[in-house]
Amino acid sequence: MGKRYSAKGPLRNEAAVRELLALMDEYNAPGRKELAAMVSQIGVLERQLDDAAKQIAAMRQELAEVRQGPIKRALLAAAHGLEHGISALGARLDELKAAVVDGCRRTLATVRERGISALAHTAQFFRLGPSVERLGQQINRCTALVDRGLEGVASISRDYHETGRRLRNAGRVLLGRGPDAEAKAPGRLAGAVALPLEKEKAVLAAMRRGAERFSERLALLEQSTRPPIRQTMEAANKKLAQERQGQERPAPALEHDGR
């Protein structure tokens, strides 16, 4: 990859991105709408990443007011794991941004070397597939962390209420009453402190959809700069006919000297 792109600012403000989009728009180049949509989609993913980080901060704030216990320990472990996961997710998003910038620079360099006709092949200068795939994988890892955290809280809460049910039943038996049939549902405390995890899961689900939309736009960019099948076949048939014509051309007749 080319020069490392700093992910501090929005991708749309990068000079190479602005220049290429303006050039594609000026010459009505194929794929210009798709590339612009990809740049916008990365901006959406960045805002969602910020939301994911805020949910972790909200979780820690909630837990600061909760007394020590199994549920608090489980959620603190989940928050710690998610902080690392979201940090890695940010790195994957930075990697994708850098790949887009690098593709813009490659395209512009080729335009300067070969002329405006290079805009008809913009997609071939972008190597985004691996970066998009790694981004999606990290989103899935973060989602798995959230699911484990939620299940841990639910499991602890179920155990807590089951223990409480047994104690109550022991008292009911002593009083000659029948036992409770089931344990109570997870308590309000567990539900309240786990709420940021639920919101985190929703943000990650939105990020997964955003990554999928980016992949769809990338596929459209590749299709838009690819010659139509019919045009390609016609060009191939024309070349083949020319080659056959050259092979079937009769050899020149020999001249006799009359002797």
C-alpha atoms as a PDB file:
ATOM      1  CA  MET A   1       0.000   0.000   0.000  1.00  0.00           C
ATOM      2  CA  GLY A   2       1.122   3.568  -0.547  1.00  0.00           C
ATOM      3  CA  LYS A   3       1.592   6.333   2.018  1.00  0.00           C
ATOM      4  CA  ARG A   4      -0.077   5.517   5.320  1.00  0.00           C
ATOM      5  CA  TYR A   5      -3.343   7.417   5.657  1.00  0.00           C
ATOM      6  CA  SER A   6      -4.033   9.184   8.940  1.00  0.00           C
ATOM      7  CA  ALA A   7      -7.556   8.341  10.071  1.00  0.00           C
ATOM      8  CA  LYS A   8      -8.001  11.503  12.138  1.00  0.00           C
ATOM      9  CA  GLY A   9     -10.211  13.346   9.646  1.00  0.00           C
ATOM     10  CA  PRO A  10     -13.182  12.381   7.460  1.00  0.00           C
ATOM     11  CA  LEU A  11     -12.303  10.410   4.350  1.00  0.00           C
ATOM     12  CA  ARG A  12     -14.166  12.854   2.107  1.00  0.00           C
ATOM     13  CA  ASN A  13     -11.669  15.571   3.128  1.00  0.00           C
ATOM     14  CA  GLU A  14      -8.664  13.633   1.835  1.00  0.00           C
ATOM     15  CA  ALA A  15      -7.137  15.487  -1.132  1.00  0.00           C
ATOM     16  CA  ALA A  16      -6.813  12.417  -3.374  1.00  0.00           C
ATOM     17  CA  VAL A  17     -10.422  11.412  -2.722  1.00  0.00           C
ATOM     18  CA  ARG A  18     -11.748  14.902  -3.496  1.00  0.00           C
ATOM     19  CA  GLU A  19      -9.640  15.190  -6.645  1.00  0.00           C
ATOM     20  CA  LEU A  20     -10.643  11.823  -8.063  1.00  0.00           C
ATOM     21  CA  LEU A  21     -14.347  12.295  -7.354  1.00  0.00           C
ATOM     22  CA  ALA A  22     -14.258  15.741  -8.985  1.00  0.00           C
ATOM     23  CA  LEU A  23     -12.422  14.352 -12.014  1.00  0.00           C
ATOM     24  CA  MET A  24     -14.850  11.432 -12.386  1.00  0.00           C
ATOM     25  CA  ASP A  25     -17.782  13.817 -12.126  1.00  0.00           C
ATOM     26  CA  GLU A  26     -16.294  16.212 -14.684  1.00  0.00           C
ATOM     27  CA  TYR A  27     -15.829  13.462 -17.283  1.00  0.00           C
ATOM     28  CA  ASN A  28     -18.945  11.480 -16.332  1.00  0.00           C
ATOM     29  CA  ALA A  29     -16.711   8.472 -15.619  1.00  0.00           C
ATOM     30  CA  PRO A  30     -18.323   5.100 -14.872  1.00  0.00           C
ATOM     31  CA  GLY A  31     -18.482   4.229 -11.208  1.00  0.00           C
ATOM     32  CA  ARG A  32     -18.397   7.797  -9.894  1.00  0.00           C
ATOM     33  CA  LYS A  33     -21.681   7.387  -7.957  1.00  0.00           C
ATOM     34  CA  GLU A  34     -20.543   4.089  -6.488  1.00  0.00           C
ATOM     35  CA  LEU A  35     -17.223   5.494  -5.278  1.00  0.00           C
ATOM     36  CA  ALA A  36     -18.946   8.522  -3.741  1.00  0.00           C
ATOM     37  CA  ALA A  37     -21.397   6.198  -1.966  1.00  0.00           C
ATOM     38  CA  MET A  38     -18.507   4.100  -0.626  1.00  0.00           C
ATOM     39  CA  VAL A  39     -16.837   7.194   0.809  1.00  0.00           C
ATOM     40  CA  SER A  40     -20.119   8.247   2.437  1.00  0.00           C
ATOM     41  CA  GLN A  41     -20.662   4.754   3.834  1.00  0.00           C
ATOM     42  CA  ILE A  42     -17.288   4.846   5.565  1.00  0.00           C
ATOM     43  CA  GLY A  43     -18.367   8.102   7.221  1.00  0.00           C
ATOM     44  CA  VAL A  44     -21.484   6.330   8.514  1.00  0.00           C
ATOM     45  CA  LEU A  45     -19.369   3.456   9.848  1.00  0.00           C
ATOM     46  CA  GLU A  46     -17.118   5.927  11.675  1.00  0.00           C
ATOM     47  CA  ARG A  47     -20.084   7.548  13.401  1.00  0.00           C
ATOM     48  CA  GLN A  48     -21.388   4.122  14.390  1.00  0.00           C
ATOM     49  CA  LEU A  49     -17.969   3.221  15.779  1.00  0.00           C
ATOM     50  CA  ASP A  50     -18.121   6.347  17.935  1.00  0.00           C
ATOM     51  CA  ASP A  51     -21.549   5.232  19.185  1.00  0.00           C
ATOM     52  CA  ALA A  52     -20.126   1.809  20.058  1.00  0.00           C
ATOM     53  CA  ALA A  53     -17.372   3.427  22.136  1.00  0.00           C
ATOM     54  CA  LYS A  54     -19.937   5.635  23.896  1.00  0.00           C
ATOM     55  CA  GLN A  55     -22.010   2.590  24.877  1.00  0.00           C
ATOM     56  CA  ILE A  56     -18.981   1.053  26.588  1.00  0.00           C
ATOM     57  CA  ALA A  57     -18.407   4.308  28.475  1.00  0.00           C
ATOM     58  CA  ALA A  58     -22.082   4.307  29.497  1.00  0.00           C
ATOM     59  CA  MET A  59     -21.738   0.729  30.712  1.00  0.00           C
ATOM     60  CA  ARG A  60     -18.774   1.641  32.917  1.00  0.00           C
ATOM     61  CA  GLN A  61     -20.670   4.613  34.294  1.00  0.00           C
ATOM     62  CA  GLU A  62     -23.631   2.379  35.179  1.00  0.00           C
ATOM     63  CA  LEU A  63     -21.359  -0.175  36.814  1.00  0.00           C
ATOM     64  CA  ALA A  64     -19.639   2.475  38.929  1.00  0.00           C
ATOM     65  CA  GLU A  65     -22.904   2.800  40.880  1.00  0.00           C
ATOM     66  CA  VAL A  66     -23.487  -0.956  41.244  1.00  0.00           C
ATOM     67  CA  ARG A  67     -22.253  -2.762  44.335  1.00  0.00           C
ATOM     68  CA  GLN A  68     -19.689  -5.497  43.941  1.00  0.00           C
ATOM     69  CA  GLY A  69     -21.064  -8.885  42.953  1.00  0.00           C
ATOM     70  CA  PRO A  70     -21.104 -11.570  40.237  1.00  0.00           C
ATOM     71  CA  ILE A  71     -23.149  -9.485  37.786  1.00  0.00           C
ATOM     72  CA  LYS A  72     -20.862  -6.479  38.144  1.00  0.00           C
ATOM     73  CA  ARG A  73     -17.779  -8.647  37.654  1.00  0.00           C
ATOM     74  CA  ALA A  74     -19.278 -10.248  34.537  1.00  0.00           C
ATOM     75  CA  LEU A  75     -20.160  -6.892  33.015  1.00  0.00           C
ATOM     76  CA  LEU A  76     -16.778  -5.396  33.850  1.00  0.00           C
ATOM     77  CA  ALA A  77     -15.134  -8.327  32.070  1.00  0.00           C
ATOM     78  CA  ALA A  78     -17.433  -7.792  29.083  1.00  0.00           C
ATOM     79  CA  ALA A  79     -16.648  -4.069  28.999  1.00  0.00           C
ATOM     80  CA  HIS A  80     -12.913  -4.757  29.163  1.00  0.00           C
ATOM     81  CA  GLY A  81     -13.098  -7.236  26.290  1.00  0.00           C
ATOM     82  CA  LEU A  82     -15.244  -4.891  24.218  1.00  0.00           C
ATOM     83  CA  GLU A  83     -12.837  -2.004  24.696  1.00  0.00           C
ATOM     84  CA  HIS A  84     -10.131  -4.083  23.054  1.00  0.00           C
ATOM     85  CA  GLY A  85     -12.571  -5.319  20.398  1.00  0.00           C
ATOM     86  CA  ILE A  86     -13.764  -1.827  19.485  1.00  0.00           C
ATOM     87  CA  SER A  87     -10.161  -0.601  19.357  1.00  0.00           C
ATOM     88  CA  ALA A  88      -9.357  -3.398  16.891  1.00  0.00           C
ATOM     89  CA  LEU A  89     -12.501  -2.525  14.934  1.00  0.00           C
ATOM     90  CA  GLY A  90     -11.277   1.064  14.646  1.00  0.00           C
ATOM     91  CA  ALA A  91      -7.967  -0.215  13.301  1.00  0.00           C
ATOM     92  CA  ARG A  92      -9.770  -2.288  10.662  1.00  0.00           C
ATOM     93  CA  LEU A  93     -11.823   0.746   9.634  1.00  0.00           C
ATOM     94  CA  ASP A  94      -8.656   2.836   9.394  1.00  0.00           C
ATOM     95  CA  GLU A  95      -7.173   0.120   7.207  1.00  0.00           C
ATOM     96  CA  LEU A  96     -10.167   0.289   4.873  1.00  0.00           C
ATOM     97  CA  LYS A  97      -9.924   4.094   4.700  1.00  0.00           C
ATOM     98  CA  ALA A  98      -6.233   3.835   3.885  1.00  0.00           C
ATOM     99  CA  ALA A  99      -7.007   1.350   1.107  1.00  0.00           C
ATOM    100  CA  VAL A 100      -9.569   3.732  -0.421  1.00  0.00           C
ATOM    101  CA  VAL A 101      -7.119   6.631  -0.330  1.00  0.00           C
ATOM    102  CA  ASP A 102      -4.418   4.432  -1.860  1.00  0.00           C
ATOM    103  CA  GLY A 103      -6.808   3.419  -4.648  1.00  0.00           C
ATOM    104  CA  CYS A 104      -7.583   7.063  -5.394  1.00  0.00           C
ATOM    105  CA  ARG A 105      -3.895   7.863  -5.575  1.00  0.00           C
ATOM    106  CA  ARG A 106      -3.227   4.912  -7.871  1.00  0.00           C
ATOM    107  CA  THR A 107      -6.029   6.002 -10.187  1.00  0.00           C
ATOM    108  CA  LEU A 108      -4.838   9.608 -10.332  1.00  0.00           C
ATOM    109  CA  ALA A 109      -1.255   8.523 -11.004  1.00  0.00           C
ATOM    110  CA  THR A 110      -2.444   6.362 -13.909  1.00  0.00           C
ATOM    111  CA  VAL A 111      -4.570   9.208 -15.285  1.00  0.00           C
ATOM    112  CA  ARG A 112      -1.501  11.463 -15.299  1.00  0.00           C
ATOM    113  CA  GLU A 113       0.492   8.757 -17.047  1.00  0.00           C
ATOM    114  CA  ARG A 114      -2.049   7.452 -19.576  1.00  0.00           C
ATOM    115  CA  GLY A 115      -4.709  10.140 -19.779  1.00  0.00           C
ATOM    116  CA  ILE A 116      -8.391  10.449 -18.888  1.00  0.00           C
ATOM    117  CA  SER A 117      -9.198   7.105 -20.541  1.00  0.00           C
ATOM    118  CA  ALA A 118      -7.816   5.416 -17.392  1.00  0.00           C
ATOM    119  CA  LEU A 119     -10.985   6.499 -15.554  1.00  0.00           C
ATOM    120  CA  ALA A 120     -12.824   3.776 -17.460  1.00  0.00           C
ATOM    121  CA  HIS A 121     -10.887   1.215 -15.389  1.00  0.00           C
ATOM    122  CA  THR A 122     -11.031   2.856 -11.944  1.00  0.00           C
ATOM    123  CA  ALA A 123     -12.017  -0.305 -10.064  1.00  0.00           C
ATOM    124  CA  GLN A 124      -8.818  -2.132 -10.944  1.00  0.00           C
ATOM    125  CA  PHE A 125      -6.803   0.372  -8.887  1.00  0.00           C
ATOM    126  CA  PHE A 126      -8.735  -0.387  -5.675  1.00  0.00           C
ATOM    127  CA  ARG A 127      -7.735  -3.379  -3.560  1.00  0.00           C
ATOM    128  CA  LEU A 128     -10.448  -3.244  -0.934  1.00  0.00           C
ATOM    129  CA  GLY A 129     -11.743  -6.812  -0.702  1.00  0.00           C
ATOM    130  CA  PRO A 130      -9.378  -8.068   2.045  1.00  0.00           C
ATOM    131  CA  SER A 131      -9.871  -4.915   4.144  1.00  0.00           C
ATOM    132  CA  VAL A 132     -13.669  -5.172   3.918  1.00  0.00           C
ATOM    133  CA  GLU A 133     -13.492  -8.838   4.889  1.00  0.00           C
ATOM    134  CA  ARG A 134     -11.323  -8.137   7.946  1.00  0.00           C
ATOM    135  CA  LEU A 135     -13.686  -5.347   8.998  1.00  0.00           C
ATOM    136  CA  GLY A 136     -16.644  -7.721   8.837  1.00  0.00           C
ATOM    137  CA  GLN A 137     -14.779 -10.383  10.805  1.00  0.00           C
ATOM    138  CA  GLN A 138     -13.968  -7.919  13.585  1.00  0.00           C
ATOM    139  CA  ILE A 139     -17.594  -6.775  13.760  1.00  0.00           C
ATOM    140  CA  ASN A 140     -18.556 -10.423  14.236  1.00  0.00           C
ATOM    141  CA  ARG A 141     -15.953 -10.852  16.990  1.00  0.00           C
ATOM    142  CA  CYS A 142     -17.300  -7.819  18.857  1.00  0.00           C
ATOM    143  CA  THR A 143     -20.860  -9.096  18.479  1.00  0.00           C
ATOM    144  CA  ALA A 144     -19.791 -12.460  19.921  1.00  0.00           C
ATOM    145  CA  LEU A 145     -18.266 -10.635  22.910  1.00  0.00           C
ATOM    146  CA  VAL A 146     -21.566  -8.831  23.516  1.00  0.00           C
ATOM    147  CA  ASP A 147     -23.532 -12.084  23.255  1.00  0.00           C
ATOM    148  CA  ARG A 148     -21.231 -13.790  25.761  1.00  0.00           C
ATOM    149  CA  GLY A 149     -21.596 -10.854  28.143  1.00  0.00           C
ATOM    150  CA  LEU A 150     -25.388 -10.896  27.909  1.00  0.00           C
ATOM    151  CA  GLU A 151     -25.532 -14.646  28.380  1.00  0.00           C
ATOM    152  CA  GLY A 152     -23.179 -14.398  31.366  1.00  0.00           C
ATOM    153  CA  VAL A 153     -25.401 -11.826  33.057  1.00  0.00           C
ATOM    154  CA  ALA A 154     -28.533 -13.848  32.306  1.00  0.00           C
ATOM    155  CA  SER A 155     -26.925 -17.033  33.624  1.00  0.00           C
ATOM    156  CA  ILE A 156     -25.784 -15.382  36.862  1.00  0.00           C
ATOM    157  CA  SER A 157     -29.211 -13.835  37.319  1.00  0.00           C
ATOM    158  CA  ARG A 158     -30.947 -17.185  36.744  1.00  0.00           C
ATOM    159  CA  ASP A 159     -28.650 -18.884  39.265  1.00  0.00           C
ATOM    160  CA  TYR A 160     -29.284 -16.114  41.772  1.00  0.00           C
ATOM    161  CA  HIS A 161     -33.057 -16.397  41.460  1.00  0.00           C
ATOM    162  CA  GLU A 162     -32.920 -20.191  41.522  1.00  0.00           C
ATOM    163  CA  THR A 163     -30.989 -20.044  44.760  1.00  0.00           C
ATOM    164  CA  GLY A 164     -33.542 -17.593  46.135  1.00  0.00           C
ATOM    165  CA  ARG A 165     -36.402 -19.871  45.051  1.00  0.00           C
ATOM    166  CA  ARG A 166     -34.881 -22.822  46.888  1.00  0.00           C
ATOM    167  CA  LEU A 167     -34.485 -20.811  50.054  1.00  0.00           C
ATOM    168  CA  ARG A 168     -38.062 -19.566  49.823  1.00  0.00           C
ATOM    169  CA  ASN A 169     -39.330 -23.082  49.184  1.00  0.00           C
ATOM    170  CA  ALA A 170     -37.516 -24.367  52.242  1.00  0.00           C
ATOM    171  CA  GLY A 171     -39.381 -21.757  54.280  1.00  0.00           C
ATOM    172  CA  ARG A 172     -42.690 -22.582  52.601  1.00  0.00           C
ATOM    173  CA  VAL A 173     -42.273 -26.271  53.415  1.00  0.00           C
ATOM    174  CA  LEU A 174     -41.676 -25.445  57.047  1.00  0.00           C
ATOM    175  CA  LEU A 175     -44.919 -23.442  56.965  1.00  0.00           C
ATOM    176  CA  GLY A 176     -46.752 -26.287  55.257  1.00  0.00           C
ATOM    177  CA  ARG A 177     -47.121 -24.508  51.921  1.00  0.00           C
ATOM    178  CA  GLY A 178     -46.433 -25.810  48.417  1.00  0.00           C
ATOM    179  CA  PRO A 179     -43.181 -24.843  46.633  1.00  0.00           C
ATOM    180  CA  ASP A 180     -42.877 -22.250  43.874  1.00  0.00           C
ATOM    181  CA  ALA A 181     -42.925 -23.887  40.448  1.00  0.00           C
ATOM    182  CA  GLU A 182     -40.340 -21.668  38.715  1.00  0.00           C
ATOM    183  CA  ALA A 183     -37.617 -19.185  39.485  1.00  0.00           C
ATOM    184  CA  LYS A 184     -38.284 -15.527  38.796  1.00  0.00           C
ATOM    185  CA  ALA A 185     -37.099 -13.904  35.602  1.00  0.00           C
ATOM    186  CA  PRO A 186     -33.776 -12.010  35.645  1.00  0.00           C
ATOM    187  CA  GLY A 187     -34.000  -9.040  37.992  1.00  0.00           C
ATOM    188  CA  ARG A 188     -34.327  -5.387  37.193  1.00  0.00           C
ATOM    189  CA  LEU A 189     -30.754  -4.709  38.246  1.00  0.00           C
ATOM    190  CA  ALA A 190     -29.378  -7.200  35.740  1.00  0.00           C
ATOM    191  CA  GLY A 191     -31.608  -5.774  33.013  1.00  0.00           C
ATOM    192  CA  ALA A 192     -30.648  -2.186  33.785  1.00  0.00           C
ATOM    193  CA  VAL A 193     -26.879  -2.668  33.821  1.00  0.00           C
ATOM    194  CA  ALA A 194     -27.029  -4.920  30.751  1.00  0.00           C
ATOM    195  CA  LEU A 195     -28.921  -2.285  28.737  1.00  0.00           C
ATOM    196  CA  PRO A 196     -25.712  -0.715  27.328  1.00  0.00           C
ATOM    197  CA  LEU A 197     -24.751  -4.186  26.060  1.00  0.00           C
ATOM    198  CA  GLU A 198     -28.075  -4.449  24.246  1.00  0.00           C
ATOM    199  CA  LYS A 199     -27.494  -1.024  22.683  1.00  0.00           C
ATOM    200  CA  GLU A 200     -23.954  -2.056  21.759  1.00  0.00           C
ATOM    201  CA  LYS A 201     -25.321  -5.103  19.963  1.00  0.00           C
ATOM    202  CA  ALA A 202     -27.737  -2.914  17.993  1.00  0.00           C
ATOM    203  CA  VAL A 203     -24.894  -0.585  16.943  1.00  0.00           C
ATOM    204  CA  LEU A 204     -22.763  -3.532  15.822  1.00  0.00           C
ATOM    205  CA  ALA A 205     -25.684  -4.939  13.835  1.00  0.00           C
ATOM    206  CA  ALA A 206     -25.992  -1.576  12.074  1.00  0.00           C
ATOM    207  CA  MET A 207     -22.242  -1.627  11.364  1.00  0.00           C
ATOM    208  CA  ARG A 208     -22.539  -5.109   9.863  1.00  0.00           C
ATOM    209  CA  ARG A 209     -25.276  -3.862   7.533  1.00  0.00           C
ATOM    210  CA  GLY A 210     -23.100  -0.851   6.676  1.00  0.00           C
ATOM    211  CA  ALA A 211     -20.154  -3.085   5.789  1.00  0.00           C
ATOM    212  CA  GLU A 212     -22.455  -5.164   3.596  1.00  0.00           C
ATOM    213  CA  ARG A 213     -23.668  -2.032   1.803  1.00  0.00           C
ATOM    214  CA  PHE A 214     -20.056  -1.022   1.219  1.00  0.00           C
ATOM    215  CA  SER A 215     -19.357  -4.434  -0.338  1.00  0.00           C
ATOM    216  CA  GLU A 216     -22.403  -4.042  -2.574  1.00  0.00           C
ATOM    217  CA  ARG A 217     -21.204  -0.623  -3.759  1.00  0.00           C
ATOM    218  CA  LEU A 218     -17.740  -2.061  -4.396  1.00  0.00           C
ATOM    219  CA  ALA A 219     -19.274  -4.785  -6.555  1.00  0.00           C
ATOM    220  CA  LEU A 220     -21.242  -2.147  -8.479  1.00  0.00           C
ATOM    221  CA  LEU A 221     -18.054  -0.111  -8.980  1.00  0.00           C
ATOM    222  CA  GLU A 222     -16.330  -3.167 -10.427  1.00  0.00           C
ATOM    223  CA  GLN A 223     -19.272  -3.866 -12.723  1.00  0.00           C
ATOM    224  CA  SER A 224     -19.551  -0.262 -13.891  1.00  0.00           C
ATOM    225  CA  THR A 225     -15.955  -0.175 -15.081  1.00  0.00           C
ATOM    226  CA  ARG A 226     -16.075  -3.598 -16.684  1.00  0.00           C
ATOM    227  CA  PRO A 227     -16.893  -3.752 -20.428  1.00  0.00           C
ATOM    228  CA  PRO A 228     -20.305  -5.328 -21.115  1.00  0.00           C
ATOM    229  CA  ILE A 229     -20.192  -9.016 -22.006  1.00  0.00           C
ATOM    230  CA  ARG A 230     -21.680  -8.382 -25.447  1.00  0.00           C
ATOM    231  CA  GLN A 231     -19.128  -5.690 -26.217  1.00  0.00           C
ATOM    232  CA  THR A 232     -16.315  -7.951 -25.049  1.00  0.00           C
ATOM    233  CA  MET A 233     -17.565 -10.857 -27.159  1.00  0.00           C
ATOM    234  CA  GLU A 234     -17.980  -8.682 -30.238  1.00  0.00           C
ATOM    235  CA  ALA A 235     -14.423  -7.402 -29.859  1.00  0.00           C
ATOM    236  CA  ALA A 236     -13.137 -10.960 -29.451  1.00  0.00           C
ATOM    237  CA  ASN A 237     -15.087 -12.167 -32.506  1.00  0.00           C
ATOM    238  CA  LYS A 238     -13.785  -9.293 -34.601  1.00  0.00           C
ATOM    239  CA  LYS A 239     -10.213 -10.055 -33.605  1.00  0.00           C
ATOM    240  CA  LEU A 240     -10.724 -13.755 -34.352  1.00  0.00           C
ATOM    241  CA  ALA A 241     -12.184 -12.963 -37.791  1.00  0.00           C
ATOM    242  CA  GLN A 242      -9.218 -10.748 -38.603  1.00  0.00           C
ATOM    243  CA  GLU A 243      -6.812 -13.495 -37.583  1.00  0.00           C
ATOM    244  CA  ARG A 244      -8.626 -16.056 -39.732  1.00  0.00           C
ATOM    245  CA  GLN A 245      -8.681 -13.699 -42.679  1.00  0.00           C
ATOM    246  CA  GLY A 246      -4.939 -13.335 -42.404  1.00  0.00           C
ATOM    247  CA  GLN A 247      -4.469 -17.109 -42.282  1.00  0.00           C
ATOM    248  CA  GLU A 248      -6.732 -17.759 -45.303  1.00  0.00           C
ATOM    249  CA  ARG A 249      -5.161 -15.090 -47.534  1.00  0.00           C
ATOM    250  CA  PRO A 250      -3.915 -16.922 -50.702  1.00  0.00           C
ATOM    251  CA  ALA A 251      -0.204 -17.056 -51.366  1.00  0.00           C
ATOM    252  CA  PRO A 252       1.006 -14.744 -54.179  1.00  0.00           C
ATOM    253  CA  ALA A 253       1.248 -16.413 -57.646  1.00  0.00           C
ATOM    254  CA  LEU A 254       4.722 -17.217 -58.974  1.00  0.00           C
ATOM    255  CA  GLU A 255       5.798 -15.347 -62.123  1.00  0.00           C
ATOM    256  CA  HIS A 256       7.292 -17.328 -65.039  1.00  0.00           C
ATOM    257  CA  ASP A 257      10.121 -15.929 -67.111  1.00  0.00           C
ATOM    258  CA  GLY A 258       8.674 -17.468 -70.345  1.00  0.00           C
ATOM    259  CA  ARG A 259      11.556 -19.874 -70.937  1.00  0.00           C
END
